[in-house]
Each structure stands twice: as structure tokens, then as C-alpha cells.
Amino acid sequence: MYGLTSQIRRAALSIPTNIVEGYARKGDKELARFVNIAMGSLAETEYLLEFSTKLGYLKAQDFGRLENLRAEVGKLLWSFYKKVGGFEG
């Protein structure tokens, strides 16, 4: 369980740190690339939370709250990604 907890923390912390790193690069193309990486970290976090629930480490109610937050962050990230030119279409 410790290893799984550690991996969830790393994946979740990777989301904002990738955005900061992309912003520091001073260009929308680079920022979009790092926001894309942040979305990958969000997907990793989602998988790890689902996996934790299946193993019985995380209660369904707690997963539901975290999933709602994940969905909200996902929407915000996707909007930001489109705004900085990461998606044409």
C-alpha cells in the first residue's frame, strides 16, 4: 500500500509541476506540451485511484469524491490546453 500511495502522490503532484515548468519556458507551444504531459499525469492518477479502489484500499465514497475532483481538473486542463493552442479542431 505504501508504494501505491507514493505513486499516487507523485502522479498528482506532477500535474501542477508540469504546468509550472511549461509556463517557465515562455512559449505557448512549450506550455501546451507540458499541459499535455500534465493531462497524462492526471490519467495516471485516475488509474491508480481506480486500482486502489479495486484492491480495497480506497472506499467507494472516497473514490467518488476524488473522481469528481479529477473530472473538474480534467475539464480545466483541457480548456487551458485548447487556449494555449495545443488542440486545433
C-alpha atoms as a PDB file:
ATOM      1  CA  MET A   1       0.000   0.000   0.000  1.00  0.00           C
ATOM      2  CA  TYR A   2       2.886   2.377   0.754  1.00  0.00           C
ATOM      3  CA  GLY A   3       4.238   2.078  -2.790  1.00  0.00           C
ATOM      4  CA  LEU A   4       0.822   2.732  -4.303  1.00  0.00           C
ATOM      5  CA  THR A   5       0.268   5.767  -2.065  1.00  0.00           C
ATOM      6  CA  SER A   6       3.659   7.117  -3.036  1.00  0.00           C
ATOM      7  CA  GLN A   7       2.933   6.639  -6.740  1.00  0.00           C
ATOM      8  CA  ILE A   8      -0.432   8.418  -6.450  1.00  0.00           C
ATOM      9  CA  ARG A   9       1.240  11.355  -4.721  1.00  0.00           C
ATOM     10  CA  ARG A  10       3.938  11.583  -7.404  1.00  0.00           C
ATOM     11  CA  ALA A  11       1.414  11.413 -10.247  1.00  0.00           C
ATOM     12  CA  ALA A  12      -0.886  14.003  -8.649  1.00  0.00           C
ATOM     13  CA  LEU A  13       1.981  16.386  -7.847  1.00  0.00           C
ATOM     14  CA  SER A  14       3.256  16.032 -11.401  1.00  0.00           C
ATOM     15  CA  ILE A  15       0.125  17.778 -12.706  1.00  0.00           C
ATOM     16  CA  PRO A  16       0.796  21.301 -11.373  1.00  0.00           C
ATOM     17  CA  THR A  17       4.582  20.986 -11.600  1.00  0.00           C
ATOM     18  CA  ASN A  18       4.372  20.251 -15.334  1.00  0.00           C
ATOM     19  CA  ILE A  19       2.172  23.306 -15.834  1.00  0.00           C
ATOM     20  CA  VAL A  20       4.682  25.468 -13.941  1.00  0.00           C
ATOM     21  CA  GLU A  21       7.573  24.068 -15.937  1.00  0.00           C
ATOM     22  CA  GLY A  22       5.748  24.712 -19.217  1.00  0.00           C
ATOM     23  CA  TYR A  23       4.892  28.245 -18.173  1.00  0.00           C
ATOM     24  CA  ALA A  24       8.526  28.925 -17.288  1.00  0.00           C
ATOM     25  CA  ARG A  25       9.519  28.059 -20.861  1.00  0.00           C
ATOM     26  CA  LYS A  26       7.839  31.283 -22.084  1.00  0.00           C
ATOM     27  CA  GLY A  27       6.097  29.991 -25.150  1.00  0.00           C
ATOM     28  CA  ASP A  28       2.607  28.709 -25.851  1.00  0.00           C
ATOM     29  CA  LYS A  29       3.873  25.726 -27.835  1.00  0.00           C
ATOM     30  CA  GLU A  30       6.052  24.560 -24.942  1.00  0.00           C
ATOM     31  CA  LEU A  31       3.310  25.330 -22.424  1.00  0.00           C
ATOM     32  CA  ALA A  32       0.846  23.245 -24.443  1.00  0.00           C
ATOM     33  CA  ARG A  33       3.348  20.367 -24.500  1.00  0.00           C
ATOM     34  CA  PHE A  34       3.695  20.428 -20.712  1.00  0.00           C
ATOM     35  CA  VAL A  35      -0.059  20.775 -20.177  1.00  0.00           C
ATOM     36  CA  ASN A  36      -0.407  17.671 -22.347  1.00  0.00           C
ATOM     37  CA  ILE A  37       2.053  15.889 -20.055  1.00  0.00           C
ATOM     38  CA  ALA A  38       0.021  17.121 -17.058  1.00  0.00           C
ATOM     39  CA  MET A  39      -3.104  15.551 -18.602  1.00  0.00           C
ATOM     40  CA  GLY A  40      -1.190  12.289 -18.836  1.00  0.00           C
ATOM     41  CA  SER A  41      -0.334  12.547 -15.153  1.00  0.00           C
ATOM     42  CA  LEU A  42      -3.996  13.153 -14.392  1.00  0.00           C
ATOM     43  CA  ALA A  43      -4.904   9.991 -16.311  1.00  0.00           C
ATOM     44  CA  GLU A  44      -2.239   8.083 -14.363  1.00  0.00           C
ATOM     45  CA  THR A  45      -3.683   9.413 -11.105  1.00  0.00           C
ATOM     46  CA  GLU A  46      -7.170   8.314 -12.168  1.00  0.00           C
ATOM     47  CA  TYR A  47      -5.961   4.802 -12.957  1.00  0.00           C
ATOM     48  CA  LEU A  48      -4.111   4.492  -9.654  1.00  0.00           C
ATOM     49  CA  LEU A  49      -7.175   5.625  -7.696  1.00  0.00           C
ATOM     50  CA  GLU A  50      -9.367   3.107  -9.537  1.00  0.00           C
ATOM     51  CA  PHE A  51      -6.787   0.397  -8.888  1.00  0.00           C
ATOM     52  CA  SER A  52      -6.667   1.330  -5.195  1.00  0.00           C
ATOM     53  CA  THR A  53     -10.443   1.045  -5.016  1.00  0.00           C
ATOM     54  CA  LYS A  54     -10.419  -2.389  -6.681  1.00  0.00           C
ATOM     55  CA  LEU A  55      -7.830  -3.567  -4.155  1.00  0.00           C
ATOM     56  CA  GLY A  56      -9.989  -2.299  -1.296  1.00  0.00           C
ATOM     57  CA  TYR A  57      -7.520   0.385  -0.187  1.00  0.00           C
ATOM     58  CA  LEU A  58      -9.902   3.206  -1.061  1.00  0.00           C
ATOM     59  CA  LYS A  59     -13.590   3.295  -0.144  1.00  0.00           C
ATOM     60  CA  ALA A  60     -16.067   3.813  -2.989  1.00  0.00           C
ATOM     61  CA  GLN A  61     -17.367   7.004  -1.346  1.00  0.00           C
ATOM     62  CA  ASP A  62     -13.849   8.458  -1.135  1.00  0.00           C
ATOM     63  CA  PHE A  63     -13.157   7.418  -4.721  1.00  0.00           C
ATOM     64  CA  GLY A  64     -16.360   9.197  -5.799  1.00  0.00           C
ATOM     65  CA  ARG A  65     -15.232  12.471  -4.220  1.00  0.00           C
ATOM     66  CA  LEU A  66     -11.771  12.164  -5.732  1.00  0.00           C
ATOM     67  CA  GLU A  67     -13.220  11.256  -9.122  1.00  0.00           C
ATOM     68  CA  ASN A  68     -15.375  14.391  -9.067  1.00  0.00           C
ATOM     69  CA  LEU A  69     -12.280  16.480  -8.372  1.00  0.00           C
ATOM     70  CA  ARG A  70     -10.358  14.652 -11.084  1.00  0.00           C
ATOM     71  CA  ALA A  71     -13.115  15.315 -13.607  1.00  0.00           C
ATOM     72  CA  GLU A  72     -13.168  19.007 -12.701  1.00  0.00           C
ATOM     73  CA  VAL A  73      -9.390  19.288 -13.032  1.00  0.00           C
ATOM     74  CA  GLY A  74      -9.584  17.424 -16.332  1.00  0.00           C
ATOM     75  CA  LYS A  75     -12.076  19.921 -17.746  1.00  0.00           C
ATOM     76  CA  LEU A  76      -9.946  22.852 -16.619  1.00  0.00           C
ATOM     77  CA  LEU A  77      -6.786  21.326 -18.066  1.00  0.00           C
ATOM     78  CA  TRP A  78      -8.450  20.562 -21.395  1.00  0.00           C
ATOM     79  CA  SER A  79      -9.780  24.133 -21.658  1.00  0.00           C
ATOM     80  CA  PHE A  80      -6.346  25.518 -20.828  1.00  0.00           C
ATOM     81  CA  TYR A  81      -4.708  23.188 -23.344  1.00  0.00           C
ATOM     82  CA  LYS A  82      -7.032  24.395 -26.106  1.00  0.00           C
ATOM     83  CA  LYS A  83      -6.494  28.039 -25.114  1.00  0.00           C
ATOM     84  CA  VAL A  84      -2.705  27.821 -25.445  1.00  0.00           C
ATOM     85  CA  GLY A  85      -3.029  26.259 -28.881  1.00  0.00           C
ATOM     86  CA  GLY A  86      -2.474  22.629 -28.034  1.00  0.00           C
ATOM     87  CA  PHE A  87      -5.513  21.467 -29.945  1.00  0.00           C
ATOM     88  CA  GLU A  88      -6.705  22.627 -33.316  1.00  0.00           C
ATOM     89  CA  GLY A  89     -10.138  21.288 -34.039  1.00  0.00           C
END
